[in-house]
C-alpha atoms as a PDB file:
ATOM      1  CA  MET A   1       2.852  -5.843  16.217  1.00  0.00           C
ATOM      2  CA  GLU A   2       3.526  -8.410  13.589  1.00  0.00           C
ATOM      3  CA  VAL A   3       5.050  -7.513  10.160  1.00  0.00           C
ATOM      4  CA  SER A   4       4.713  -9.536   6.966  1.00  0.00           C
ATOM      5  CA  THR A   5       6.303  -8.899   3.610  1.00  0.00           C
ATOM      6  CA  SER A   6       5.502  -9.883   0.057  1.00  0.00           C
ATOM      7  CA  THR A   7       6.760  -9.393  -3.452  1.00  0.00           C
ATOM      8  CA  VAL A   8       3.972  -8.660  -5.812  1.00  0.00           C
ATOM      9  CA  ASP A   9       3.486  -7.178  -9.328  1.00  0.00           C
ATOM     10  CA  VAL A  10       1.454  -4.146  -8.262  1.00  0.00           C
ATOM     11  CA  ALA A  11       0.280  -3.653 -11.855  1.00  0.00           C
ATOM     12  CA  SER A  12      -1.609  -7.013 -11.684  1.00  0.00           C
ATOM     13  CA  GLY A  13      -5.060  -6.631 -10.237  1.00  0.00           C
ATOM     14  CA  GLY A  14      -5.395 -10.285  -9.607  1.00  0.00           C
ATOM     15  CA  LEU A  15      -2.079 -10.494  -7.689  1.00  0.00           C
ATOM     16  CA  VAL A  16      -2.874  -7.403  -5.578  1.00  0.00           C
ATOM     17  CA  THR A  17      -6.396  -8.768  -4.797  1.00  0.00           C
ATOM     18  CA  ALA A  18      -4.770 -12.023  -3.642  1.00  0.00           C
ATOM     19  CA  LEU A  19      -2.365 -10.056  -1.485  1.00  0.00           C
ATOM     20  CA  VAL A  20      -5.217  -8.218   0.180  1.00  0.00           C
ATOM     21  CA  GLN A  21      -6.993 -11.517   0.870  1.00  0.00           C
ATOM     22  CA  ILE A  22      -3.799 -13.114   2.373  1.00  0.00           C
ATOM     23  CA  ALA A  23      -3.084  -9.966   4.441  1.00  0.00           C
ATOM     24  CA  SER A  24      -6.607  -9.893   5.685  1.00  0.00           C
ATOM     25  CA  GLY A  25      -6.320 -13.525   6.821  1.00  0.00           C
ATOM     26  CA  LEU A  26      -3.372 -12.670   8.999  1.00  0.00           C
ATOM     27  CA  GLY A  27      -5.350 -10.260  11.150  1.00  0.00           C
ATOM     28  CA  ALA A  28      -6.202  -6.549  11.288  1.00  0.00           C
ATOM     29  CA  ILE A  29      -4.221  -4.489   8.800  1.00  0.00           C
ATOM     30  CA  SER A  30      -2.853  -1.395  10.458  1.00  0.00           C
ATOM     31  CA  GLY A  31      -0.630  -0.128   7.653  1.00  0.00           C
ATOM     32  CA  VAL A  32       0.813  -0.889   4.158  1.00  0.00           C
ATOM     33  CA  ILE A  33       4.207   0.098   2.868  1.00  0.00           C
ATOM     34  CA  GLN A  34       4.452   0.256  -0.861  1.00  0.00           C
ATOM     35  CA  ALA A  35       7.977   0.483  -2.290  1.00  0.00           C
ATOM     36  CA  ALA A  36       7.297  -0.371  -5.921  1.00  0.00           C
ATOM     37  CA  GLY A  37       8.381   2.053  -8.521  1.00  0.00           C
ATOM     38  CA  VAL A  38      10.353   2.403 -11.732  1.00  0.00           C
ATOM     39  CA  SER A  39      12.186   5.346 -13.326  1.00  0.00           C
ATOM     40  CA  PRO A  40      12.728   6.335 -16.937  1.00  0.00           C
ATOM     41  CA  SER A  41      16.141   4.799 -16.903  1.00  0.00           C
ATOM     42  CA  GLN A  42      14.628   1.399 -15.903  1.00  0.00           C
ATOM     43  CA  ALA A  43      11.523   1.097 -18.065  1.00  0.00           C
ATOM     44  CA  PRO A  44       9.465   2.524 -20.986  1.00  0.00           C
ATOM     45  CA  PRO A  45       6.625   5.037 -20.191  1.00  0.00           C
ATOM     46  CA  GLU A  46       3.918   2.427 -20.346  1.00  0.00           C
ATOM     47  CA  VAL A  47       5.591   0.288 -17.631  1.00  0.00           C
ATOM     48  CA  ILE A  48       6.174   3.346 -15.483  1.00  0.00           C
ATOM     49  CA  LEU A  49       2.537   4.339 -15.670  1.00  0.00           C
ATOM     50  CA  ALA A  50       1.432   0.733 -14.944  1.00  0.00           C
ATOM     51  CA  VAL A  51       3.612   0.458 -11.856  1.00  0.00           C
ATOM     52  CA  ASP A  52       3.905   3.954 -10.476  1.00  0.00           C
ATOM     53  CA  LEU A  53       0.457   5.247 -11.196  1.00  0.00           C
ATOM     54  CA  TYR A  54      -1.960   2.340 -11.771  1.00  0.00           C
ATOM     55  CA  GLY A  55      -0.293   0.042  -9.259  1.00  0.00           C
ATOM     56  CA  THR A  56      -0.346   2.621  -6.479  1.00  0.00           C
ATOM     57  CA  ALA A  57      -3.963   3.511  -7.114  1.00  0.00           C
ATOM     58  CA  LEU A  58      -4.819  -0.220  -7.156  1.00  0.00           C
ATOM     59  CA  LEU A  59      -3.013  -0.801  -3.709  1.00  0.00           C
ATOM     60  CA  LEU A  60      -4.618   2.232  -2.203  1.00  0.00           C
ATOM     61  CA  ASN A  61      -8.106   1.280  -3.439  1.00  0.00           C
ATOM     62  CA  LEU A  62      -7.944  -2.370  -2.417  1.00  0.00           C
ATOM     63  CA  PHE A  63      -6.184  -2.018   0.855  1.00  0.00           C
ATOM     64  CA  GLY A  64      -8.157   1.096   1.687  1.00  0.00           C
ATOM     65  CA  GLU A  65     -11.248  -1.091   1.959  1.00  0.00           C
ATOM     66  CA  THR A  66      -9.588  -3.381   4.549  1.00  0.00           C
ATOM     67  CA  VAL A  67      -7.209  -1.332   6.696  1.00  0.00           C
ATOM     68  CA  ALA A  68      -8.318  -1.288  10.297  1.00  0.00           C
ATOM     69  CA  PRO A  69      -9.730   1.977  11.580  1.00  0.00           C
ATOM     70  CA  ALA A  70      -6.596   2.564  13.697  1.00  0.00           C
ATOM     71  CA  GLY A  71      -4.469   2.569  10.472  1.00  0.00           C
ATOM     72  CA  ARG A  72      -6.632   4.961   8.513  1.00  0.00           C
ATOM     73  CA  PRO A  73      -5.511   8.550   8.194  1.00  0.00           C
ATOM     74  CA  SER A  74      -7.618  11.003  10.180  1.00  0.00           C
ATOM     75  CA  SER A  75      -9.017  14.182   8.889  1.00  0.00           C
ATOM     76  CA  SER A  76      -7.031  16.177  11.412  1.00  0.00           C
ATOM     77  CA  PRO A  77      -3.533  17.258  10.625  1.00  0.00           C
ATOM     78  CA  ARG A  78      -0.721  14.998  11.884  1.00  0.00           C
ATOM     79  CA  CYS A  79       1.222  16.239  14.885  1.00  0.00           C
ATOM     80  CA  PRO A  80       5.008  16.691  14.683  1.00  0.00           C
ATOM     81  CA  ALA A  81       6.791  13.598  15.931  1.00  0.00           C
ATOM     82  CA  THR A  82       8.141  15.529  18.942  1.00  0.00           C
ATOM     83  CA  ALA A  83       4.620  16.560  20.038  1.00  0.00           C
ATOM     84  CA  CYS A  84       2.807  13.236  19.578  1.00  0.00           C
ATOM     85  CA  PRO A  85       1.874  11.409  22.822  1.00  0.00           C
ATOM     86  CA  HIS A  86       3.056   8.025  21.499  1.00  0.00           C
END
C-alpha cells in the first residue's frame, strides 16, 4: 500500500477537485482520511460551516465517485476488530 498526503483548503471546490484528479492519477484510491476542522475558538461561524460542513460534504461527494470498490463501505455492519479475518 502506498500513502500520499496533501494540504488543501477543503472549502475550495477547485482545490478539492484538483486533489481528486491528482490522487486518481496515483492509482486506485482505497481510502481517504480527512483531518480538516475548526472550532469556535479558532474561527467565526461562517468559516466553521465552510470547513466542517461544506468541506466534508465536498470531499465525500468528489472522492466518493472515485474510491475503488474495495475502499467503499459495505451495506453490512462492520465486524469488531477482534472478529475480522484480516
